């Protein structure tokens, strides 16, 4: 699973476009991915890291 996340107000306009394009290319190739758009800019907040990134990595990178 590949997780793609971007801010809808990113000051680099190619980043949201590139994220959406990349998610489509991955999906068309049968590669599982999830894409999340958040209201914000280029940087992520501590809440995003804690609430979304850490659980994602725990789910897919934990050894049990």
C-alpha atoms as a PDB file:
ATOM      1  CA  UNK A   1       0.000   0.000   0.000  1.00  0.00           C
ATOM      2  CA  UNK A   2       1.278   3.436  -0.926  1.00  0.00           C
ATOM      3  CA  UNK A   3      -0.053   6.482   0.913  1.00  0.00           C
ATOM      4  CA  UNK A   4      -0.059   9.853  -0.852  1.00  0.00           C
ATOM      5  CA  UNK A   5      -0.983  13.012   1.013  1.00  0.00           C
ATOM      6  CA  UNK A   6      -0.943  16.615  -0.155  1.00  0.00           C
ATOM      7  CA  UNK A   7      -2.180  20.047   0.867  1.00  0.00           C
ATOM      8  CA  UNK A   8      -4.845  21.635  -1.308  1.00  0.00           C
ATOM      9  CA  UNK A   9      -3.173  25.034  -0.858  1.00  0.00           C
ATOM     10  CA  UNK A  10       0.387  23.906  -1.589  1.00  0.00           C
ATOM     11  CA  UNK A  11       2.363  26.851  -2.905  1.00  0.00           C
ATOM     12  CA  UNK A  12       3.863  24.518  -5.502  1.00  0.00           C
ATOM     13  CA  UNK A  13       0.872  23.880  -7.806  1.00  0.00           C
ATOM     14  CA  UNK A  14       2.441  20.848  -9.456  1.00  0.00           C
ATOM     15  CA  UNK A  15       2.454  18.897  -6.187  1.00  0.00           C
ATOM     16  CA  UNK A  16      -1.341  18.385  -5.861  1.00  0.00           C
ATOM     17  CA  UNK A  17      -1.570  17.702  -9.609  1.00  0.00           C
ATOM     18  CA  UNK A  18       1.344  15.270  -9.451  1.00  0.00           C
ATOM     19  CA  UNK A  19      -0.099  13.466  -6.441  1.00  0.00           C
ATOM     20  CA  UNK A  20      -3.453  12.923  -8.159  1.00  0.00           C
ATOM     21  CA  UNK A  21      -1.704  11.792 -11.354  1.00  0.00           C
ATOM     22  CA  UNK A  22       0.594   9.415  -9.462  1.00  0.00           C
ATOM     23  CA  UNK A  23      -2.333   7.855  -7.591  1.00  0.00           C
ATOM     24  CA  UNK A  24      -4.138   7.261 -10.892  1.00  0.00           C
ATOM     25  CA  UNK A  25      -1.083   5.702 -12.556  1.00  0.00           C
ATOM     26  CA  UNK A  26      -0.585   3.418  -9.551  1.00  0.00           C
ATOM     27  CA  UNK A  27      -4.264   2.408  -9.508  1.00  0.00           C
ATOM     28  CA  UNK A  28      -4.256   1.755 -13.262  1.00  0.00           C
ATOM     29  CA  UNK A  29      -1.247  -0.526 -12.734  1.00  0.00           C
ATOM     30  CA  UNK A  30      -3.069  -2.413  -9.965  1.00  0.00           C
ATOM     31  CA  UNK A  31      -0.849  -1.025  -7.207  1.00  0.00           C
ATOM     32  CA  UNK A  32      -2.818  -0.369  -4.026  1.00  0.00           C
ATOM     33  CA  UNK A  33      -2.679   3.227  -2.877  1.00  0.00           C
ATOM     34  CA  UNK A  34      -4.634   5.761  -0.914  1.00  0.00           C
ATOM     35  CA  UNK A  35      -4.631   9.489  -1.511  1.00  0.00           C
ATOM     36  CA  UNK A  36      -5.585  12.122   1.049  1.00  0.00           C
ATOM     37  CA  UNK A  37      -5.994  15.827   0.392  1.00  0.00           C
ATOM     38  CA  UNK A  38      -5.925  18.102   3.426  1.00  0.00           C
ATOM     39  CA  UNK A  39      -6.703  21.796   3.671  1.00  0.00           C
ATOM     40  CA  UNK A  40      -3.301  23.304   4.082  1.00  0.00           C
ATOM     41  CA  UNK A  41      -0.029  24.089   2.453  1.00  0.00           C
ATOM     42  CA  UNK A  42       3.244  22.346   1.855  1.00  0.00           C
ATOM     43  CA  UNK A  43       4.027  21.373   5.458  1.00  0.00           C
ATOM     44  CA  UNK A  44       2.260  18.783   7.559  1.00  0.00           C
ATOM     45  CA  UNK A  45       1.147  19.433  11.105  1.00  0.00           C
ATOM     46  CA  UNK A  46       2.056  17.395  14.155  1.00  0.00           C
ATOM     47  CA  UNK A  47      -1.552  16.172  14.288  1.00  0.00           C
ATOM     48  CA  UNK A  48      -1.332  14.822  10.742  1.00  0.00           C
ATOM     49  CA  UNK A  49       1.874  12.970  11.539  1.00  0.00           C
ATOM     50  CA  UNK A  50       0.458  11.561  14.768  1.00  0.00           C
ATOM     51  CA  UNK A  51      -3.063  10.791  13.529  1.00  0.00           C
ATOM     52  CA  UNK A  52      -2.357   9.509  10.017  1.00  0.00           C
ATOM     53  CA  UNK A  53       1.291   8.830   9.256  1.00  0.00           C
ATOM     54  CA  UNK A  54       2.265   6.935  12.393  1.00  0.00           C
ATOM     55  CA  UNK A  55      -0.789   4.599  12.244  1.00  0.00           C
ATOM     56  CA  UNK A  56      -0.140   3.987   8.542  1.00  0.00           C
ATOM     57  CA  UNK A  57       3.456   2.947   9.185  1.00  0.00           C
ATOM     58  CA  UNK A  58       2.427   0.853  12.193  1.00  0.00           C
ATOM     59  CA  UNK A  59      -0.133  -0.966  10.073  1.00  0.00           C
ATOM     60  CA  UNK A  60       2.206  -1.729   7.157  1.00  0.00           C
ATOM     61  CA  UNK A  61       5.678  -1.861   8.712  1.00  0.00           C
ATOM     62  CA  UNK A  62       5.129  -3.608  12.017  1.00  0.00           C
ATOM     63  CA  UNK A  63       6.675  -7.011  12.549  1.00  0.00           C
ATOM     64  CA  UNK A  64       4.495  -9.413  14.493  1.00  0.00           C
END
